[in-house]
């Protein structure tokens, strides 16, 4: 696979994957979050960091 093809494919994977991740996080937040503001803070902090790991893996594969 050429480098350009990997980059384009990686771009689409990141775009659609991040959009899907956001939808799933929002649906989960609606189910569990109206508990306390501290739980909201912790949930969004963790959810905001977790997406970095798969995106990092895809970006590494794009450059390889």
Protein backbone atom coordinates (compact mmCIF):
# COMPACT_ATOMS: atom_id res chain seq x y z
CA UNK A 1 0.00 0.00 0.00
CA UNK A 2 1.41 3.38 -0.92
CA UNK A 3 2.08 6.07 1.66
CA UNK A 4 -0.59 8.33 0.18
CA UNK A 5 -3.22 5.58 0.36
CA UNK A 6 -2.32 4.87 3.98
CA UNK A 7 -2.65 8.54 4.86
CA UNK A 8 -6.03 8.95 3.16
CA UNK A 9 -7.35 5.74 4.71
CA UNK A 10 -6.01 6.78 8.13
CA UNK A 11 -7.67 10.18 7.80
CA UNK A 12 -11.06 8.59 7.13
CA UNK A 13 -10.61 6.08 9.95
CA UNK A 14 -9.79 8.87 12.40
CA UNK A 15 -12.66 11.09 11.23
CA UNK A 16 -15.34 8.41 11.33
CA UNK A 17 -13.89 6.70 14.39
CA UNK A 18 -13.81 9.93 16.37
CA UNK A 19 -17.36 10.78 15.31
CA UNK A 20 -18.56 7.32 16.37
CA UNK A 21 -16.66 7.63 19.65
CA UNK A 22 -18.31 10.99 20.37
CA UNK A 23 -21.76 9.56 19.73
CA UNK A 24 -21.10 6.59 22.02
CA UNK A 25 -19.73 8.81 24.79
CA UNK A 26 -22.78 11.09 24.56
CA UNK A 27 -25.17 8.14 24.73
CA UNK A 28 -23.33 6.72 27.73
CA UNK A 29 -23.28 10.13 29.41
CA UNK A 30 -27.05 10.49 29.05
CA UNK A 31 -27.52 7.13 30.74
CA UNK A 32 -25.21 7.50 33.73
CA UNK A 33 -24.26 11.10 34.36
CA UNK A 34 -26.88 13.21 36.05
CA UNK A 35 -25.52 11.97 39.37
CA UNK A 36 -23.09 14.60 40.65
CA UNK A 37 -20.89 17.27 39.10
CA UNK A 38 -17.71 15.50 40.26
CA UNK A 39 -18.74 12.30 38.46
CA UNK A 40 -19.42 14.38 35.34
CA UNK A 41 -15.97 15.91 35.58
CA UNK A 42 -14.25 12.56 36.00
CA UNK A 43 -16.25 10.95 33.19
CA UNK A 44 -15.48 13.67 30.66
CA UNK A 45 -11.82 13.83 31.69
CA UNK A 46 -11.40 10.09 31.14
CA UNK A 47 -13.47 10.09 27.93
CA UNK A 48 -11.44 13.02 26.64
CA UNK A 49 -8.17 11.16 27.13
CA UNK A 50 -9.13 7.63 26.03
CA UNK A 51 -9.62 8.53 22.34
CA UNK A 52 -5.96 9.53 22.09
CA UNK A 53 -4.70 5.93 22.24
CA UNK A 54 -6.50 4.55 19.16
CA UNK A 55 -5.85 7.78 17.24
CA UNK A 56 -2.15 7.52 18.10
CA UNK A 57 -2.07 3.93 16.84
CA UNK A 58 -3.74 4.90 13.54
CA UNK A 59 -1.40 7.84 13.07
CA UNK A 60 1.64 5.63 13.67
CA UNK A 61 0.35 3.19 11.06
CA UNK A 62 -0.17 6.05 8.61
CA UNK A 63 3.46 7.06 8.85
CA UNK A 64 4.91 3.55 8.78
